[in-house]
Every structure is written in C-alpha cells, then in structure tokens.
Amino acid sequence: MTTWRKHATHAEETRAVRAALVEAGYTTAKVGHGSGTAWGWLEIRATVPGPEHCTCATDGRVGRCDSCQAVWSKAHSDITGIALNVTSRQRGDHGGNIMAQIDFS
C-alpha cells in the first residue's frame, strides 16, 4: 500500500469517496480512477445547481461571471476536500492527484 492510499484497492477508494460525497449532498457525483499512466488519479465529476442570479447566462458564456465562479470554486473546494479527507491523499504527493470536474445544471 502506498503512503497516500488509505484503501487497499481503487474500488474501495471509489466507494468510500462516493459515499462521502453523497452524504455531503453531491448526489450526482461520479467517481472513478484514471487508466494507463493516469491510473493513480482519482477522477470526480459532479453537477451542481448554477447560481440563482447569473449575469453571464444571457450571452451564452455560462460560468464566466463572478457569481458562477464563486459557485464553481466552492463546489470544487468542497469536493476536493472531501476526497482528500476520505483518502488521506495529500496535495502535491506523487500519485495523489485528484481531478474534479464541476458542471452546472
């Protein structure tokens, strides 16, 4: 077992992270691992509600305004923090990488 992994297998890690995200309210999150040279990456994709008063929705550039960026940043920070806590991975550790993709619904 490597130093950044709290779980014996990728499957165990995936289940633990998914359960923690669901408990935190991120019920749409999909969790998996990379393949090939990215096998150690934990990959998370979640859909969150966009901001109530988005100023960029009218010009077709959703996600670019300050209100969208604030919602995206909070969701990304929350999801990454949950994954770091559940897995005991550390930022910057070789192989401890987490890729979180946040989409708006």
PDB file of N, CA and C in Angstrom:
ATOM      1  N   MET A   1       0.851  -1.180   0.000  1.00  0.00           N
ATOM      2  CA  MET A   1       0.000   0.000   0.000  1.00  0.00           C
ATOM      3  C   MET A   1       0.897   1.244   0.000  1.00  0.00           C
ATOM      4  N   THR A   2       0.601   2.186  -0.874  1.00  0.00           N
ATOM      5  CA  THR A   2       1.399   3.405  -0.927  1.00  0.00           C
ATOM      6  C   THR A   2       0.995   4.358   0.196  1.00  0.00           C
ATOM      7  N   THR A   3       1.834   5.345   0.445  1.00  0.00           N
ATOM      8  CA  THR A   3       1.620   6.220   1.591  1.00  0.00           C
ATOM      9  C   THR A   3       0.382   7.101   1.474  1.00  0.00           C
ATOM     10  N   TRP A   4      -0.075   7.396   0.261  1.00  0.00           N
ATOM     11  CA  TRP A   4      -1.233   8.276   0.135  1.00  0.00           C
ATOM     12  C   TRP A   4      -2.549   7.531   0.080  1.00  0.00           C
ATOM     13  N   ARG A   5      -2.496   6.217   0.068  1.00  0.00           N
ATOM     14  CA  ARG A   5      -3.740   5.468  -0.086  1.00  0.00           C
ATOM     15  C   ARG A   5      -4.190   4.864   1.242  1.00  0.00           C
ATOM     16  N   LYS A   6      -5.373   5.222   1.641  1.00  0.00           N
ATOM     17  CA  LYS A   6      -5.977   4.708   2.866  1.00  0.00           C
ATOM     18  C   LYS A   6      -6.726   3.407   2.606  1.00  0.00           C
ATOM     19  N   HIS A   7      -7.020   3.114   1.340  1.00  0.00           N
ATOM     20  CA  HIS A   7      -7.812   1.944   0.959  1.00  0.00           C
ATOM     21  C   HIS A   7      -6.948   0.967   0.179  1.00  0.00           C
ATOM     22  N   ALA A   8      -7.281  -0.306   0.299  1.00  0.00           N
ATOM     23  CA  ALA A   8      -6.461  -1.345  -0.325  1.00  0.00           C
ATOM     24  C   ALA A   8      -6.593  -1.394  -1.846  1.00  0.00           C
ATOM     25  N   THR A   9      -7.747  -1.006  -2.356  1.00  0.00           N
ATOM     26  CA  THR A   9      -7.964  -1.071  -3.810  1.00  0.00           C
ATOM     27  C   THR A   9      -8.624   0.211  -4.309  1.00  0.00           C
ATOM     28  N   HIS A  10      -8.551   0.407  -5.613  1.00  0.00           N
ATOM     29  CA  HIS A  10      -9.247   1.543  -6.207  1.00  0.00           C
ATOM     30  C   HIS A  10     -10.754   1.433  -5.986  1.00  0.00           C
ATOM     31  N   ALA A  11     -11.291   0.235  -6.058  1.00  0.00           N
ATOM     32  CA  ALA A  11     -12.733   0.045  -5.878  1.00  0.00           C
ATOM     33  C   ALA A  11     -13.178   0.484  -4.485  1.00  0.00           C
ATOM     34  N   GLU A  12     -12.403   0.126  -3.456  1.00  0.00           N
ATOM     35  CA  GLU A  12     -12.733   0.551  -2.091  1.00  0.00           C
ATOM     36  C   GLU A  12     -12.668   2.071  -1.975  1.00  0.00           C
ATOM     37  N   GLU A  13     -11.635   2.652  -2.555  1.00  0.00           N
ATOM     38  CA  GLU A  13     -11.472   4.104  -2.509  1.00  0.00           C
ATOM     39  C   GLU A  13     -12.639   4.788  -3.220  1.00  0.00           C
ATOM     40  N   THR A  14     -13.019   4.281  -4.371  1.00  0.00           N
ATOM     41  CA  THR A  14     -14.131   4.833  -5.135  1.00  0.00           C
ATOM     42  C   THR A  14     -15.414   4.803  -4.317  1.00  0.00           C
ATOM     43  N   ARG A  15     -15.719   3.660  -3.715  1.00  0.00           N
ATOM     44  CA  ARG A  15     -16.939   3.526  -2.907  1.00  0.00           C
ATOM     45  C   ARG A  15     -16.925   4.490  -1.726  1.00  0.00           C
ATOM     46  N   ALA A  16     -15.784   4.617  -1.043  1.00  0.00           N
ATOM     47  CA  ALA A  16     -15.690   5.490   0.132  1.00  0.00           C
ATOM     48  C   ALA A  16     -15.874   6.959  -0.251  1.00  0.00           C
ATOM     49  N   VAL A  17     -15.240   7.382  -1.332  1.00  0.00           N
ATOM     50  CA  VAL A  17     -15.366   8.775  -1.774  1.00  0.00           C
ATOM     51  C   VAL A  17     -16.794   9.045  -2.234  1.00  0.00           C
ATOM     52  N   ARG A  18     -17.360   8.147  -3.003  1.00  0.00           N
ATOM     53  CA  ARG A  18     -18.738   8.319  -3.491  1.00  0.00           C
ATOM     54  C   ARG A  18     -19.707   8.437  -2.313  1.00  0.00           C
ATOM     55  N   ALA A  19     -19.562   7.577  -1.311  1.00  0.00           N
ATOM     56  CA  ALA A  19     -20.445   7.620  -0.136  1.00  0.00           C
ATOM     57  C   ALA A  19     -20.302   8.945   0.612  1.00  0.00           C
ATOM     58  N   ALA A  20     -19.082   9.432   0.758  1.00  0.00           N
ATOM     59  CA  ALA A  20     -18.851  10.703   1.456  1.00  0.00           C
ATOM     60  C   ALA A  20     -19.440  11.875   0.677  1.00  0.00           C
ATOM     61  N   LEU A  21     -19.332  11.838  -0.645  1.00  0.00           N
ATOM     62  CA  LEU A  21     -19.897  12.909  -1.464  1.00  0.00           C
ATOM     63  C   LEU A  21     -21.424  12.909  -1.397  1.00  0.00           C
ATOM     64  N   VAL A  22     -22.035  11.741  -1.440  1.00  0.00           N
ATOM     65  CA  VAL A  22     -23.493  11.635  -1.330  1.00  0.00           C
ATOM     66  C   VAL A  22     -23.935  12.158   0.036  1.00  0.00           C
ATOM     67  N   GLU A  23     -23.225  11.792   1.076  1.00  0.00           N
ATOM     68  CA  GLU A  23     -23.551  12.260   2.428  1.00  0.00           C
ATOM     69  C   GLU A  23     -23.458  13.790   2.521  1.00  0.00           C
ATOM     70  N   ALA A  24     -22.534  14.377   1.769  1.00  0.00           N
ATOM     71  CA  ALA A  24     -22.358  15.832   1.768  1.00  0.00           C
ATOM     72  C   ALA A  24     -23.346  16.534   0.834  1.00  0.00           C
ATOM     73  N   GLY A  25     -24.184  15.775   0.120  1.00  0.00           N
ATOM     74  CA  GLY A  25     -25.189  16.372  -0.735  1.00  0.00           C
ATOM     75  C   GLY A  25     -24.847  16.391  -2.217  1.00  0.00           C
ATOM     76  N   TYR A  26     -23.702  15.856  -2.593  1.00  0.00           N
ATOM     77  CA  TYR A  26     -23.313  15.797  -4.011  1.00  0.00           C
ATOM     78  C   TYR A  26     -23.773  14.460  -4.585  1.00  0.00           C
ATOM     79  N   THR A  27     -25.082  14.325  -4.736  1.00  0.00           N
ATOM     80  CA  THR A  27     -25.674  13.040  -5.121  1.00  0.00           C
ATOM     81  C   THR A  27     -25.442  12.671  -6.578  1.00  0.00           C
ATOM     82  N   THR A  28     -25.091  13.646  -7.417  1.00  0.00           N
ATOM     83  CA  THR A  28     -24.871  13.346  -8.834  1.00  0.00           C
ATOM     84  C   THR A  28     -23.419  13.016  -9.150  1.00  0.00           C
ATOM     85  N   ALA A  29     -22.563  13.035  -8.145  1.00  0.00           N
ATOM     86  CA  ALA A  29     -21.129  12.841  -8.386  1.00  0.00           C
ATOM     87  C   ALA A  29     -20.828  11.437  -8.904  1.00  0.00           C
ATOM     88  N   LYS A  30     -19.965  11.391  -9.894  1.00  0.00           N
ATOM     89  CA  LYS A  30     -19.457  10.116 -10.420  1.00  0.00           C
ATOM     90  C   LYS A  30     -17.978  10.057 -10.033  1.00  0.00           C
ATOM     91  N   VAL A  31     -17.553   8.924  -9.522  1.00  0.00           N
ATOM     92  CA  VAL A  31     -16.182   8.771  -9.036  1.00  0.00           C
ATOM     93  C   VAL A  31     -15.541   7.591  -9.737  1.00  0.00           C
ATOM     94  N   GLY A  32     -14.306   7.766 -10.156  1.00  0.00           N
ATOM     95  CA  GLY A  32     -13.567   6.693 -10.806  1.00  0.00           C
ATOM     96  C   GLY A  32     -12.080   6.967 -10.732  1.00  0.00           C
ATOM     97  N   HIS A  33     -11.319   6.178 -11.452  1.00  0.00           N
ATOM     98  CA  HIS A  33      -9.869   6.337 -11.499  1.00  0.00           C
ATOM     99  C   HIS A  33      -9.407   6.380 -12.944  1.00  0.00           C
ATOM    100  N   GLY A  34      -8.287   7.031 -13.148  1.00  0.00           N
ATOM    101  CA  GLY A  34      -7.696   7.105 -14.475  1.00  0.00           C
ATOM    102  C   GLY A  34      -7.180   5.740 -14.907  1.00  0.00           C
ATOM    103  N   SER A  35      -6.701   5.695 -16.130  1.00  0.00           N
ATOM    104  CA  SER A  35      -6.131   4.447 -16.634  1.00  0.00           C
ATOM    105  C   SER A  35      -4.779   4.745 -17.265  1.00  0.00           C
ATOM    106  N   GLY A  36      -4.054   3.708 -17.557  1.00  0.00           N
ATOM    107  CA  GLY A  36      -2.730   3.881 -18.154  1.00  0.00           C
ATOM    108  C   GLY A  36      -1.804   4.639 -17.225  1.00  0.00           C
ATOM    109  N   THR A  37      -1.142   5.653 -17.749  1.00  0.00           N
ATOM    110  CA  THR A  37      -0.201   6.403 -16.917  1.00  0.00           C
ATOM    111  C   THR A  37      -0.910   7.269 -15.882  1.00  0.00           C
ATOM    112  N   ALA A  38      -2.226   7.426 -16.001  1.00  0.00           N
ATOM    113  CA  ALA A  38      -3.000   8.203 -15.023  1.00  0.00           C
ATOM    114  C   ALA A  38      -3.752   7.293 -14.050  1.00  0.00           C
ATOM    115  N   TRP A  39      -3.305   6.057 -13.886  1.00  0.00           N
ATOM    116  CA  TRP A  39      -4.022   5.089 -13.061  1.00  0.00           C
ATOM    117  C   TRP A  39      -4.190   5.557 -11.616  1.00  0.00           C
ATOM    118  N   GLY A  40      -3.309   6.375 -11.114  1.00  0.00           N
ATOM    119  CA  GLY A  40      -3.381   6.827  -9.731  1.00  0.00           C
ATOM    120  C   GLY A  40      -4.289   8.017  -9.508  1.00  0.00           C
ATOM    121  N   TRP A  41      -4.757   8.631 -10.570  1.00  0.00           N
ATOM    122  CA  TRP A  41      -5.625   9.800 -10.439  1.00  0.00           C
ATOM    123  C   TRP A  41      -7.015   9.380  -9.986  1.00  0.00           C
ATOM    124  N   LEU A  42      -7.558  10.112  -9.041  1.00  0.00           N
ATOM    125  CA  LEU A  42      -8.948   9.956  -8.635  1.00  0.00           C
ATOM    126  C   LEU A  42      -9.735  10.976  -9.445  1.00  0.00           C
ATOM    127  N   GLU A  43     -10.733  10.518 -10.191  1.00  0.00           N
ATOM    128  CA  GLU A  43     -11.497  11.394 -11.068  1.00  0.00           C
ATOM    129  C   GLU A  43     -12.924  11.525 -10.545  1.00  0.00           C
ATOM    130  N   ILE A  44     -13.341  12.773 -10.338  1.00  0.00           N
ATOM    131  CA  ILE A  44     -14.677  13.052  -9.818  1.00  0.00           C
ATOM    132  C   ILE A  44     -15.363  14.032 -10.764  1.00  0.00           C
ATOM    133  N   ARG A  45     -16.601  13.741 -11.102  1.00  0.00           N
ATOM    134  CA  ARG A  45     -17.397  14.654 -11.928  1.00  0.00           C
ATOM    135  C   ARG A  45     -18.730  14.856 -11.229  1.00  0.00           C
ATOM    136  N   ALA A  46     -19.080  16.123 -10.998  1.00  0.00           N
ATOM    137  CA  ALA A  46     -20.320  16.434 -10.297  1.00  0.00           C
ATOM    138  C   ALA A  46     -21.070  17.544 -11.009  1.00  0.00           C
ATOM    139  N   THR A  47     -22.378  17.487 -10.914  1.00  0.00           N
ATOM    140  CA  THR A  47     -23.231  18.543 -11.445  1.00  0.00           C
ATOM    141  C   THR A  47     -23.863  19.252 -10.264  1.00  0.00           C
ATOM    142  N   VAL A  48     -23.723  20.567 -10.243  1.00  0.00           N
ATOM    143  CA  VAL A  48     -24.285  21.370  -9.155  1.00  0.00           C
ATOM    144  C   VAL A  48     -25.212  22.433  -9.757  1.00  0.00           C
ATOM    145  N   PRO A  49     -26.183  22.891  -8.977  1.00  0.00           N
ATOM    146  CA  PRO A  49     -27.046  23.959  -9.482  1.00  0.00           C
ATOM    147  C   PRO A  49     -26.234  25.226  -9.724  1.00  0.00           C
ATOM    148  N   GLY A  50     -26.513  25.897 -10.833  1.00  0.00           N
ATOM    149  CA  GLY A  50     -25.836  27.162 -11.108  1.00  0.00           C
ATOM    150  C   GLY A  50     -26.322  28.240 -10.150  1.00  0.00           C
ATOM    151  N   PRO A  51     -25.666  29.379 -10.147  1.00  0.00           N
ATOM    152  CA  PRO A  51     -26.088  30.453  -9.258  1.00  0.00           C
ATOM    153  C   PRO A  51     -27.470  30.983  -9.647  1.00  0.00           C
ATOM    154  N   GLU A  52     -28.202  31.465  -8.653  1.00  0.00           N
ATOM    155  CA  GLU A  52     -29.546  31.967  -8.898  1.00  0.00           C
ATOM    156  C   GLU A  52     -29.563  33.166  -9.829  1.00  0.00           C
ATOM    157  N   HIS A  53     -28.655  34.076  -9.640  1.00  0.00           N
ATOM    158  CA  HIS A  53     -28.639  35.316 -10.411  1.00  0.00           C
ATOM    159  C   HIS A  53     -27.375  35.392 -11.258  1.00  0.00           C
ATOM    160  N   CYS A  54     -27.317  34.550 -12.245  1.00  0.00           N
ATOM    161  CA  CYS A  54     -26.151  34.506 -13.126  1.00  0.00           C
ATOM    162  C   CYS A  54     -26.225  35.657 -14.124  1.00  0.00           C
ATOM    163  N   THR A  55     -25.174  36.436 -14.214  1.00  0.00           N
ATOM    164  CA  THR A  55     -25.152  37.574 -15.137  1.00  0.00           C
ATOM    165  C   THR A  55     -24.595  37.203 -16.505  1.00  0.00           C
ATOM    166  N   CYS A  56     -24.080  35.994 -16.653  1.00  0.00           N
ATOM    167  CA  CYS A  56     -23.470  35.627 -17.929  1.00  0.00           C
ATOM    168  C   CYS A  56     -24.346  34.697 -18.764  1.00  0.00           C
ATOM    169  N   ALA A  57     -25.472  34.256 -18.241  1.00  0.00           N
ATOM    170  CA  ALA A  57     -26.330  33.308 -18.962  1.00  0.00           C
ATOM    171  C   ALA A  57     -26.911  33.915 -20.227  1.00  0.00           C
ATOM    172  N   THR A  58     -27.078  35.219 -20.258  1.00  0.00           N
ATOM    173  CA  THR A  58     -27.699  35.848 -21.414  1.00  0.00           C
ATOM    174  C   THR A  58     -26.769  35.947 -22.616  1.00  0.00           C
ATOM    175  N   ASP A  59     -25.465  35.878 -22.404  1.00  0.00           N
ATOM    176  CA  ASP A  59     -24.541  36.000 -23.539  1.00  0.00           C
ATOM    177  C   ASP A  59     -23.938  34.657 -23.967  1.00  0.00           C
ATOM    178  N   GLY A  60     -24.462  33.545 -23.416  1.00  0.00           N
ATOM    179  CA  GLY A  60     -24.002  32.223 -23.821  1.00  0.00           C
ATOM    180  C   GLY A  60     -22.652  31.815 -23.246  1.00  0.00           C
ATOM    181  N   ARG A  61     -22.167  32.546 -22.273  1.00  0.00           N
ATOM    182  CA  ARG A  61     -20.864  32.225 -21.673  1.00  0.00           C
ATOM    183  C   ARG A  61     -21.045  31.816 -20.211  1.00  0.00           C
ATOM    184  N   VAL A  62     -21.963  30.917 -19.952  1.00  0.00           N
ATOM    185  CA  VAL A  62     -22.246  30.488 -18.587  1.00  0.00           C
ATOM    186  C   VAL A  62     -20.974  29.985 -17.931  1.00  0.00           C
ATOM    187  N   GLY A  63     -20.786  30.420 -16.715  1.00  0.00           N
ATOM    188  CA  GLY A  63     -19.614  30.007 -15.955  1.00  0.00           C
ATOM    189  C   GLY A  63     -18.520  31.039 -15.919  1.00  0.00           C
ATOM    190  N   ARG A  64     -18.689  32.142 -16.612  1.00  0.00           N
ATOM    191  CA  ARG A  64     -17.626  33.147 -16.701  1.00  0.00           C
ATOM    192  C   ARG A  64     -17.769  34.302 -15.711  1.00  0.00           C
ATOM    193  N   CYS A  65     -18.984  34.555 -15.210  1.00  0.00           N
ATOM    194  CA  CYS A  65     -19.166  35.703 -14.327  1.00  0.00           C
ATOM    195  C   CYS A  65     -18.720  35.374 -12.899  1.00  0.00           C
ATOM    196  N   ASP A  66     -18.645  36.406 -12.075  1.00  0.00           N
ATOM    197  CA  ASP A  66     -18.200  36.233 -10.693  1.00  0.00           C
ATOM    198  C   ASP A  66     -19.107  35.307  -9.899  1.00  0.00           C
ATOM    199  N   SER A  67     -20.428  35.401 -10.121  1.00  0.00           N
ATOM    200  CA  SER A  67     -21.337  34.548  -9.364  1.00  0.00           C
ATOM    201  C   SER A  67     -21.156  33.079  -9.740  1.00  0.00           C
ATOM    202  N   CYS A  68     -20.956  32.791 -11.023  1.00  0.00           N
ATOM    203  CA  CYS A  68     -20.703  31.406 -11.455  1.00  0.00           C
ATOM    204  C   CYS A  68     -19.367  30.906 -10.904  1.00  0.00           C
ATOM    205  N   GLN A  69     -18.356  31.743 -10.975  1.00  0.00           N
ATOM    206  CA  GLN A  69     -17.030  31.349 -10.493  1.00  0.00           C
ATOM    207  C   GLN A  69     -17.051  31.058  -9.001  1.00  0.00           C
ATOM    208  N   ALA A  70     -17.832  31.812  -8.230  1.00  0.00           N
ATOM    209  CA  ALA A  70     -17.922  31.582  -6.786  1.00  0.00           C
ATOM    210  C   ALA A  70     -18.570  30.231  -6.484  1.00  0.00           C
ATOM    211  N   VAL A  71     -19.651  29.910  -7.199  1.00  0.00           N
ATOM    212  CA  VAL A  71     -20.328  28.619  -7.003  1.00  0.00           C
ATOM    213  C   VAL A  71     -19.401  27.484  -7.414  1.00  0.00           C
ATOM    214  N   TRP A  72     -18.749  27.619  -8.570  1.00  0.00           N
ATOM    215  CA  TRP A  72     -17.835  26.594  -9.058  1.00  0.00           C
ATOM    216  C   TRP A  72     -16.686  26.383  -8.078  1.00  0.00           C
ATOM    217  N   SER A  73     -16.105  27.474  -7.619  1.00  0.00           N
ATOM    218  CA  SER A  73     -14.957  27.397  -6.715  1.00  0.00           C
ATOM    219  C   SER A  73     -15.321  26.712  -5.400  1.00  0.00           C
ATOM    220  N   LYS A  74     -16.493  27.047  -4.842  1.00  0.00           N
ATOM    221  CA  LYS A  74     -16.914  26.413  -3.593  1.00  0.00           C
ATOM    222  C   LYS A  74     -17.142  24.923  -3.787  1.00  0.00           C
ATOM    223  N   ALA A  75     -17.837  24.546  -4.862  1.00  0.00           N
ATOM    224  CA  ALA A  75     -18.097  23.127  -5.122  1.00  0.00           C
ATOM    225  C   ALA A  75     -16.789  22.376  -5.336  1.00  0.00           C
ATOM    226  N   HIS A  76     -15.881  22.947  -6.104  1.00  0.00           N
ATOM    227  CA  HIS A  76     -14.597  22.298  -6.371  1.00  0.00           C
ATOM    228  C   HIS A  76     -13.810  22.118  -5.071  1.00  0.00           C
ATOM    229  N   SER A  77     -13.778  23.153  -4.256  1.00  0.00           N
ATOM    230  CA  SER A  77     -13.064  23.083  -2.976  1.00  0.00           C
ATOM    231  C   SER A  77     -13.693  22.050  -2.049  1.00  0.00           C
ATOM    232  N   ASP A  78     -15.024  22.040  -1.956  1.00  0.00           N
ATOM    233  CA  ASP A  78     -15.727  21.067  -1.109  1.00  0.00           C
ATOM    234  C   ASP A  78     -15.443  19.639  -1.555  1.00  0.00           C
ATOM    235  N   ILE A  79     -15.607  19.388  -2.850  1.00  0.00           N
ATOM    236  CA  ILE A  79     -15.443  18.032  -3.374  1.00  0.00           C
ATOM    237  C   ILE A  79     -14.002  17.549  -3.225  1.00  0.00           C
ATOM    238  N   THR A  80     -13.059  18.405  -3.554  1.00  0.00           N
ATOM    239  CA  THR A  80     -11.652  18.027  -3.411  1.00  0.00           C
ATOM    240  C   THR A  80     -11.303  17.794  -1.946  1.00  0.00           C
ATOM    241  N   GLY A  81     -11.803  18.656  -1.065  1.00  0.00           N
ATOM    242  CA  GLY A  81     -11.545  18.496   0.371  1.00  0.00           C
ATOM    243  C   GLY A  81     -12.099  17.195   0.917  1.00  0.00           C
ATOM    244  N   ILE A  82     -13.318  16.846   0.503  1.00  0.00           N
ATOM    245  CA  ILE A  82     -13.924  15.583   0.934  1.00  0.00           C
ATOM    246  C   ILE A  82     -13.073  14.415   0.461  1.00  0.00           C
ATOM    247  N   ALA A  83     -12.673  14.442  -0.803  1.00  0.00           N
ATOM    248  CA  ALA A  83     -11.856  13.352  -1.351  1.00  0.00           C
ATOM    249  C   ALA A  83     -10.509  13.255  -0.639  1.00  0.00           C
ATOM    250  N   LEU A  84      -9.875  14.386  -0.372  1.00  0.00           N
ATOM    251  CA  LEU A  84      -8.593  14.363   0.346  1.00  0.00           C
ATOM    252  C   LEU A  84      -8.762  13.768   1.735  1.00  0.00           C
ATOM    253  N   ASN A  85      -9.838  14.150   2.420  1.00  0.00           N
ATOM    254  CA  ASN A  85     -10.081  13.651   3.768  1.00  0.00           C
ATOM    255  C   ASN A  85     -10.348  12.145   3.792  1.00  0.00           C
ATOM    256  N   VAL A  86     -11.181  11.684   2.872  1.00  0.00           N
ATOM    257  CA  VAL A  86     -11.561  10.263   2.838  1.00  0.00           C
ATOM    258  C   VAL A  86     -10.381   9.375   2.450  1.00  0.00           C
ATOM    259  N   THR A  87      -9.551   9.850   1.544  1.00  0.00           N
ATOM    260  CA  THR A  87      -8.481   9.006   1.012  1.00  0.00           C
ATOM    261  C   THR A  87      -7.142   9.187   1.725  1.00  0.00           C
ATOM    262  N   SER A  88      -6.990  10.257   2.467  1.00  0.00           N
ATOM    263  CA  SER A  88      -5.717  10.638   3.089  1.00  0.00           C
ATOM    264  C   SER A  88      -4.656  10.994   2.061  1.00  0.00           C
ATOM    265  N   ARG A  89      -5.078  11.307   0.852  1.00  0.00           N
ATOM    266  CA  ARG A  89      -4.140  11.804  -0.156  1.00  0.00           C
ATOM    267  C   ARG A  89      -3.705  13.190   0.292  1.00  0.00           C
ATOM    268  N   GLN A  90      -2.575  13.621  -0.177  1.00  0.00           N
ATOM    269  CA  GLN A  90      -2.061  14.947   0.145  1.00  0.00           C
ATOM    270  C   GLN A  90      -1.838  15.710  -1.141  1.00  0.00           C
ATOM    271  N   ARG A  91      -2.120  16.993  -1.122  1.00  0.00           N
ATOM    272  CA  ARG A  91      -1.863  17.826  -2.301  1.00  0.00           C
ATOM    273  C   ARG A  91      -0.371  17.777  -2.614  1.00  0.00           C
ATOM    274  N   GLY A  92      -0.057  17.580  -3.869  1.00  0.00           N
ATOM    275  CA  GLY A  92       1.330  17.588  -4.298  1.00  0.00           C
ATOM    276  C   GLY A  92       2.047  16.253  -4.210  1.00  0.00           C
ATOM    277  N   ASP A  93       1.448  15.256  -3.544  1.00  0.00           N
ATOM    278  CA  ASP A  93       2.078  13.938  -3.471  1.00  0.00           C
ATOM    279  C   ASP A  93       2.081  13.277  -4.836  1.00  0.00           C
ATOM    280  N   HIS A  94       3.161  12.625  -5.175  1.00  0.00           N
ATOM    281  CA  HIS A  94       3.217  11.865  -6.417  1.00  0.00           C
ATOM    282  C   HIS A  94       2.132  10.802  -6.372  1.00  0.00           C
ATOM    283  N   GLY A  95       1.290  10.779  -7.344  1.00  0.00           N
ATOM    284  CA  GLY A  95       0.217   9.784  -7.389  1.00  0.00           C
ATOM    285  C   GLY A  95      -0.995  10.143  -6.564  1.00  0.00           C
ATOM    286  N   GLY A  96      -0.975  11.242  -5.836  1.00  0.00           N
ATOM    287  CA  GLY A  96      -2.108  11.620  -5.001  1.00  0.00           C
ATOM    288  C   GLY A  96      -3.024  12.609  -5.670  1.00  0.00           C
ATOM    289  N   ASN A  97      -3.018  12.629  -6.968  1.00  0.00           N
ATOM    290  CA  ASN A  97      -3.753  13.640  -7.721  1.00  0.00           C
ATOM    291  C   ASN A  97      -5.248  13.371  -7.755  1.00  0.00           C
ATOM    292  N   ILE A  98      -6.009  14.470  -7.699  1.00  0.00           N
ATOM    293  CA  ILE A  98      -7.458  14.402  -7.782  1.00  0.00           C
ATOM    294  C   ILE A  98      -7.907  15.361  -8.870  1.00  0.00           C
ATOM    295  N   MET A  99      -8.703  14.868  -9.794  1.00  0.00           N
ATOM    296  CA  MET A  99      -9.259  15.693 -10.853  1.00  0.00           C
ATOM    297  C   MET A  99     -10.756  15.805 -10.572  1.00  0.00           C
ATOM    298  N   ALA A 100     -11.207  17.024 -10.293  1.00  0.00           N
ATOM    299  CA  ALA A 100     -12.626  17.248 -10.049  1.00  0.00           C
ATOM    300  C   ALA A 100     -13.182  18.145 -11.141  1.00  0.00           C
ATOM    301  N   GLN A 101     -14.196  17.657 -11.825  1.00  0.00           N
ATOM    302  CA  GLN A 101     -14.854  18.438 -12.863  1.00  0.00           C
ATOM    303  C   GLN A 101     -16.244  18.811 -12.363  1.00  0.00           C
ATOM    304  N   ILE A 102     -16.536  20.095 -12.381  1.00  0.00           N
ATOM    305  CA  ILE A 102     -17.812  20.606 -11.898  1.00  0.00           C
ATOM    306  C   ILE A 102     -18.596  21.160 -13.083  1.00  0.00           C
ATOM    307  N   ASP A 103     -19.819  20.695 -13.246  1.00  0.00           N
ATOM    308  CA  ASP A 103     -20.725  21.186 -14.285  1.00  0.00           C
ATOM    309  C   ASP A 103     -21.937  21.821 -13.614  1.00  0.00           C
ATOM    310  N   PHE A 104     -22.560  22.791 -14.278  1.00  0.00           N
ATOM    311  CA  PHE A 104     -23.779  23.402 -13.780  1.00  0.00           C
ATOM    312  C   PHE A 104     -24.990  22.720 -14.402  1.00  0.00           C
ATOM    313  N   SER A 105     -26.039  22.580 -13.578  1.00  0.00           N
ATOM    314  CA  SER A 105     -27.283  22.010 -14.112  1.00  0.00           C
ATOM    315  C   SER A 105     -28.189  23.111 -14.596  1.00  0.00           C
TER     316      SER A 105
END
